[in-house]
């Protein structure tokens, strides 16, 4: 499965026209816009060259209703024809304002009426998690099952070790802030670490996503395209997401981790400064993955000893 491109296209479109056009995993019926999507067509070609899928995010009024993957975008004589695959509902009550316009880095207005807009790919759409359920209780309690899943998701030893060592460190940070409000959920292709209601670290199928708190302009320029605004209103202040390969994370880890620790601290405290008391994700918690992460982190620390 190809990763999502870092940039997406928001489209104003009636939901009924999408559901009438969709063919599930096959290309949809062609849809036409009476406007030339010059930037959108160029973006589609750029995503293809990068080996990524270009997301299309659909709304008609303020609420975001669906998203899909662009299968074709053709611009001819001032009109645009496009097809999509894998139409999915957007849950969670997200609106246009939860999207970030790429050029201005400002929220898209809920009153936006133009045909389309170029936005950053938001964290609430994900081809991997959207099609998977957490693994069952027996597998999530077993470290060997967790190791098998993580080996499939991160197939080189450096990636496997880096992801699990970081999971262990993030868990320890969460424990120090809110001991009873963290949980890690194991999926068939990766994991998600939550503190309270908010995800703070995810790793799926070769990609890692790290939540950060504070100004992102302090990170190297090479990473700017991999950092986007986080939409979580429950965490105050300016929050961002790093989304990239494990190799990129490994190279720039020292630049990212301080802001990541700050995000965990913010997510783990109430607005009065008290520790958050719990998380609903504890029902899917994976002790086996925690044991695996701790063993990898311990091994790495011993290797680094003189």
Protein backbone atom coordinates (compact mmCIF):
# COMPACT_ATOMS: atom_id res chain seq x y z
CA UNK A 1 0.00 0.00 0.00
CA UNK A 2 1.43 3.37 -1.02
CA UNK A 3 1.74 6.11 1.62
CA UNK A 4 -0.44 9.19 1.50
CA UNK A 5 1.05 12.28 -0.10
CA UNK A 6 1.76 15.09 2.37
CA UNK A 7 -0.55 17.43 0.44
CA UNK A 8 -4.22 16.86 -0.44
CA UNK A 9 -7.03 18.50 -2.44
CA UNK A 10 -10.17 19.70 -0.73
CA UNK A 11 -13.18 19.56 -3.09
CA UNK A 12 -16.61 21.15 -2.72
CA UNK A 13 -18.93 18.39 -3.91
CA UNK A 14 -22.43 17.14 -3.05
CA UNK A 15 -22.20 13.86 -1.11
CA UNK A 16 -24.87 12.23 -3.29
CA UNK A 17 -22.78 12.72 -6.43
CA UNK A 18 -19.89 10.89 -4.75
CA UNK A 19 -21.94 7.93 -3.53
CA UNK A 20 -23.53 7.63 -6.98
CA UNK A 21 -20.13 7.65 -8.69
CA UNK A 22 -18.15 5.34 -6.42
CA UNK A 23 -17.20 1.76 -7.35
CA UNK A 24 -15.45 0.88 -4.10
CA UNK A 25 -11.89 -0.18 -4.77
CA UNK A 26 -12.26 0.33 -8.52
CA UNK A 27 -12.03 3.73 -10.26
CA UNK A 28 -15.20 5.78 -9.90
CA UNK A 29 -17.32 7.24 -12.63
CA UNK A 30 -15.71 10.44 -13.99
CA UNK A 31 -16.72 13.66 -12.25
CA UNK A 32 -16.35 17.04 -13.96
CA UNK A 33 -15.65 20.51 -12.57
CA UNK A 34 -16.17 23.62 -14.70
CA UNK A 35 -12.81 24.96 -13.58
CA UNK A 36 -9.24 24.09 -14.56
CA UNK A 37 -7.49 22.53 -11.58
CA UNK A 38 -4.05 23.51 -12.81
CA UNK A 39 -2.39 23.18 -9.42
CA UNK A 40 -4.42 20.07 -8.65
CA UNK A 41 -3.32 18.35 -11.85
CA UNK A 42 0.31 19.19 -11.16
CA UNK A 43 -0.06 17.91 -7.62
CA UNK A 44 -1.44 14.59 -8.87
CA UNK A 45 1.59 14.13 -11.13
CA UNK A 46 3.94 15.06 -8.30
CA UNK A 47 2.35 12.51 -5.98
CA UNK A 48 2.69 9.81 -8.64
CA UNK A 49 6.38 10.61 -9.13
CA UNK A 50 6.88 10.36 -5.37
CA UNK A 51 5.18 6.93 -5.27
CA UNK A 52 2.35 8.26 -3.08
CA UNK A 53 -1.45 8.37 -3.13
CA UNK A 54 -3.06 11.82 -3.45
CA UNK A 55 -6.00 12.26 -1.02
CA UNK A 56 -9.19 14.02 -2.07
CA UNK A 57 -11.23 15.44 0.84
CA UNK A 58 -14.87 16.23 0.18
CA UNK A 59 -17.36 18.61 1.76
CA UNK A 60 -20.31 20.65 0.57
CA UNK A 61 -21.04 22.76 3.63
CA UNK A 62 -18.73 23.21 6.64
CA UNK A 63 -18.65 19.52 7.72
CA UNK A 64 -16.20 17.20 5.97
CA UNK A 65 -18.11 14.16 4.71
CA UNK A 66 -15.85 11.85 2.68
CA UNK A 67 -12.32 11.29 1.48
CA UNK A 68 -10.84 9.12 -1.25
CA UNK A 69 -7.70 8.54 -3.31
CA UNK A 70 -7.29 10.34 -6.62
CA UNK A 71 -7.17 7.87 -9.49
CA UNK A 72 -7.07 10.41 -12.33
CA UNK A 73 -7.07 14.20 -12.75
CA UNK A 74 -7.29 15.55 -16.29
CA UNK A 75 -7.46 19.25 -17.18
CA UNK A 76 -8.71 20.10 -20.70
CA UNK A 77 -10.04 23.38 -22.11
CA UNK A 78 -10.79 25.01 -18.79
CA UNK A 79 -12.50 21.97 -17.26
CA UNK A 80 -11.30 19.21 -14.93
CA UNK A 81 -12.31 15.55 -14.93
CA UNK A 82 -11.29 13.28 -12.07
CA UNK A 83 -11.88 9.76 -10.77
CA UNK A 84 -11.28 8.35 -7.31
CA UNK A 85 -11.08 5.04 -5.47
CA UNK A 86 -11.85 3.90 -1.92
CA UNK A 87 -14.46 6.46 -0.87
CA UNK A 88 -14.64 6.55 2.96
CA UNK A 89 -16.69 8.54 5.44
CA UNK A 90 -14.90 11.06 7.64
CA UNK A 91 -15.95 10.58 11.25
CA UNK A 92 -15.22 12.73 14.28
CA UNK A 93 -17.13 15.89 13.37
CA UNK A 94 -14.29 17.53 11.42
CA UNK A 95 -14.99 20.68 9.43
CA UNK A 96 -13.30 22.75 6.73
CA UNK A 97 -11.57 24.80 9.42
CA UNK A 98 -9.73 21.65 10.54
CA UNK A 99 -7.83 21.68 7.23
CA UNK A 100 -4.69 23.79 6.77
CA UNK A 101 -4.26 25.67 3.49
CA UNK A 102 -0.82 24.80 2.13
CA UNK A 103 0.16 28.24 0.86
CA UNK A 104 -1.01 30.41 3.77
CA UNK A 105 -0.62 27.83 6.57
CA UNK A 106 -3.98 29.08 7.88
CA UNK A 107 -7.18 27.11 8.52
CA UNK A 108 -9.52 26.74 5.55
CA UNK A 109 -12.57 28.90 6.12
CA UNK A 110 -15.85 27.16 6.89
CA UNK A 111 -17.34 29.60 4.36
CA UNK A 112 -15.04 28.50 1.53
CA UNK A 113 -17.07 28.33 -1.71
CA UNK A 114 -14.52 27.80 -4.49
CA UNK A 115 -14.20 24.54 -6.41
CA UNK A 116 -11.11 23.24 -4.63
CA UNK A 117 -8.21 24.13 -2.34
CA UNK A 118 -4.73 22.70 -1.82
CA UNK A 119 -4.34 21.68 1.83
CA UNK A 120 -2.01 19.68 4.01
CA UNK A 121 -3.01 16.05 4.42
CA UNK A 122 -4.74 15.98 7.82
CA UNK A 123 -3.93 13.33 10.43
CA UNK A 124 -7.55 12.20 10.76
CA UNK A 125 -7.47 10.37 7.43
CA UNK A 126 -5.27 7.32 7.16
CA UNK A 127 -5.50 4.46 4.68
CA UNK A 128 -3.86 2.07 7.12
CA UNK A 129 -5.83 2.59 10.32
CA UNK A 130 -9.07 3.24 8.48
CA UNK A 131 -9.12 -0.33 7.14
CA UNK A 132 -7.88 -2.17 10.22
CA UNK A 133 -9.22 -3.09 13.64
CA UNK A 134 -7.07 -3.62 16.76
CA UNK A 135 -5.80 -7.18 17.16
CA UNK A 136 -7.58 -9.51 19.57
CA UNK A 137 -6.84 -9.86 23.27
CA UNK A 138 -4.69 -13.00 22.96
CA UNK A 139 -2.35 -11.42 20.39
CA UNK A 140 -2.10 -8.04 22.11
CA UNK A 141 -1.08 -9.74 25.37
CA UNK A 142 1.69 -11.75 23.69
CA UNK A 143 5.13 -10.19 23.01
CA UNK A 144 5.94 -12.76 20.29
CA UNK A 145 2.78 -11.86 18.37
CA UNK A 146 3.67 -8.19 18.70
CA UNK A 147 7.19 -8.90 17.42
CA UNK A 148 5.82 -10.69 14.36
CA UNK A 149 3.53 -7.76 13.52
CA UNK A 150 6.27 -5.19 14.01
CA UNK A 151 8.76 -7.19 11.93
CA UNK A 152 6.27 -7.20 9.07
CA UNK A 153 5.59 -3.47 9.42
CA UNK A 154 9.24 -2.47 9.83
CA UNK A 155 11.33 -4.94 7.93
CA UNK A 156 14.87 -3.70 8.58
CA UNK A 157 16.49 -4.17 11.98
CA UNK A 158 17.37 -0.45 12.38
CA UNK A 159 13.75 0.57 11.69
CA UNK A 160 12.36 -2.13 13.99
CA UNK A 161 14.70 -1.09 16.81
CA UNK A 162 14.21 2.67 16.34
CA UNK A 163 10.41 2.52 16.39
CA UNK A 164 10.18 0.26 19.44
CA UNK A 165 12.86 2.13 21.38
CA UNK A 166 10.97 5.36 20.77
CA UNK A 167 7.71 3.75 21.84
CA UNK A 168 9.33 2.73 25.13
CA UNK A 169 10.69 6.23 25.73
CA UNK A 170 7.36 7.89 24.90
CA UNK A 171 5.56 5.50 27.26
CA UNK A 172 7.98 6.36 30.06
CA UNK A 173 7.35 10.07 29.46
CA UNK A 174 3.60 9.47 29.55
CA UNK A 175 3.92 7.48 32.79
CA UNK A 176 5.76 10.37 34.43
CA UNK A 177 2.99 12.83 33.50
CA UNK A 178 -0.24 10.82 33.69
CA UNK A 179 0.40 7.28 34.99
CA UNK A 180 -3.18 6.10 34.47
CA UNK A 181 -4.00 7.86 31.21
CA UNK A 182 -1.92 6.15 28.54
CA UNK A 183 -2.48 3.09 26.36
CA UNK A 184 -0.88 1.56 23.30
CA UNK A 185 -3.12 -0.17 20.74
CA UNK A 186 -1.70 -2.91 18.50
CA UNK A 187 -3.01 -3.19 14.93
CA UNK A 188 -2.16 -5.78 12.24
CA UNK A 189 0.33 -3.31 10.70
CA UNK A 190 1.55 -1.11 13.55
CA UNK A 191 0.51 0.68 16.73
CA UNK A 192 -0.95 3.86 18.21
CA UNK A 193 0.05 5.37 21.58
CA UNK A 194 -2.60 7.54 23.24
CA UNK A 195 -2.40 9.83 26.25
CA UNK A 196 -5.91 10.67 27.39
CA UNK A 197 -8.02 11.20 24.27
CA UNK A 198 -5.12 12.14 22.01
CA UNK A 199 -2.68 10.06 19.99
CA UNK A 200 0.93 11.07 20.65
CA UNK A 201 2.83 8.52 18.55
CA UNK A 202 1.84 6.16 15.75
CA UNK A 203 3.86 3.84 13.53
CA UNK A 204 2.32 1.95 10.62
CA UNK A 205 3.83 0.05 7.72
CA UNK A 206 7.19 1.84 7.49
CA UNK A 207 5.94 5.30 8.54
CA UNK A 208 6.14 7.07 11.88
CA UNK A 209 4.02 10.00 13.13
CA UNK A 210 5.18 12.04 16.08
CA UNK A 211 3.05 14.70 17.80
CA UNK A 212 4.92 17.83 18.91
CA UNK A 213 4.14 20.94 20.95
CA UNK A 214 5.65 24.34 20.23
CA UNK A 215 7.15 26.21 17.28
CA UNK A 216 8.20 23.88 14.47
CA UNK A 217 10.45 26.49 12.84
CA UNK A 218 13.29 25.34 15.08
CA UNK A 219 13.58 22.04 13.19
CA UNK A 220 15.86 21.70 10.14
CA UNK A 221 14.55 23.01 6.82
CA UNK A 222 14.74 19.49 5.38
CA UNK A 223 11.90 18.45 7.69
CA UNK A 224 9.51 21.36 7.10
CA UNK A 225 7.58 19.49 4.38
CA UNK A 226 7.03 16.62 6.80
CA UNK A 227 5.52 18.74 9.57
CA UNK A 228 1.91 19.89 9.60
CA UNK A 229 -0.47 21.53 12.05
CA UNK A 230 -2.23 19.14 14.43
CA UNK A 231 -6.00 19.65 14.80
CA UNK A 232 -6.40 18.49 18.40
CA UNK A 233 -8.28 21.27 20.21
CA UNK A 234 -8.07 19.44 23.55
CA UNK A 235 -4.31 20.17 23.70
CA UNK A 236 -3.73 23.93 24.12
CA UNK A 237 -1.10 25.89 22.22
CA UNK A 238 0.59 25.33 18.87
CA UNK A 239 0.81 21.64 18.02
CA UNK A 240 2.34 19.88 15.03
CA UNK A 241 2.82 16.43 13.53
CA UNK A 242 5.98 14.99 12.06
CA UNK A 243 5.10 12.35 9.48
CA UNK A 244 7.83 10.52 7.60
CA UNK A 245 9.98 7.45 7.18
CA UNK A 246 11.76 5.87 10.12
CA UNK A 247 15.09 6.71 8.47
CA UNK A 248 14.16 10.41 8.41
CA UNK A 249 13.07 10.21 12.02
CA UNK A 250 16.32 8.51 13.00
CA UNK A 251 18.46 11.21 11.35
CA UNK A 252 16.59 14.12 12.92
CA UNK A 253 15.39 12.52 16.13
CA UNK A 254 17.30 14.86 18.44
CA UNK A 255 15.61 17.87 16.82
CA UNK A 256 12.12 16.39 17.24
CA UNK A 257 12.10 14.72 20.65
CA UNK A 258 12.03 17.77 22.98
CA UNK A 259 8.84 19.07 21.35
CA UNK A 260 7.41 15.52 21.41
CA UNK A 261 7.98 15.27 25.15
CA UNK A 262 6.30 18.66 25.56
CA UNK A 263 3.25 17.44 23.65
CA UNK A 264 2.92 14.37 25.87
CA UNK A 265 3.14 16.63 28.92
CA UNK A 266 0.37 18.88 27.56
CA UNK A 267 -1.84 15.94 26.57
CA UNK A 268 -1.41 14.34 29.99
CA UNK A 269 -2.52 17.34 32.04
CA UNK A 270 -5.88 19.00 32.50
CA UNK A 271 -6.21 22.75 31.99
CA UNK A 272 -5.73 23.15 35.77
CA UNK A 273 -2.43 21.28 35.60
CA UNK A 274 -3.58 18.01 37.14
CA UNK A 275 -2.82 14.62 35.57
CA UNK A 276 -5.48 13.27 33.24
CA UNK A 277 -7.17 10.37 35.02
CA UNK A 278 -7.76 7.82 32.30
CA UNK A 279 -8.18 6.93 28.63
CA UNK A 280 -10.89 5.00 26.83
CA UNK A 281 -8.21 3.29 24.75
CA UNK A 282 -7.17 1.22 27.76
CA UNK A 283 -9.74 -1.35 26.62
CA UNK A 284 -7.45 -2.18 23.66
CA UNK A 285 -4.14 -1.85 25.52
CA UNK A 286 -1.34 -4.23 24.43
CA UNK A 287 0.90 -5.38 27.30
CA UNK A 288 2.74 -7.66 24.89
CA UNK A 289 3.84 -4.73 22.73
CA UNK A 290 4.92 -2.80 25.83
CA UNK A 291 7.08 -5.75 26.95
CA UNK A 292 8.60 -5.99 23.47
CA UNK A 293 9.38 -2.26 23.36
CA UNK A 294 10.98 -2.35 26.79
CA UNK A 295 13.19 -5.31 25.84
CA UNK A 296 14.37 -3.57 22.66
CA UNK A 297 15.09 -0.33 24.52
CA UNK A 298 17.00 -2.23 27.23
CA UNK A 299 19.07 -4.06 24.60
CA UNK A 300 19.86 -0.79 22.83
CA UNK A 301 20.99 0.83 26.07
CA UNK A 302 23.33 -2.09 26.86
CA UNK A 303 24.80 -2.00 23.34
CA UNK A 304 25.60 1.69 23.84
CA UNK A 305 27.43 1.09 27.14
CA UNK A 306 31.26 1.23 27.08
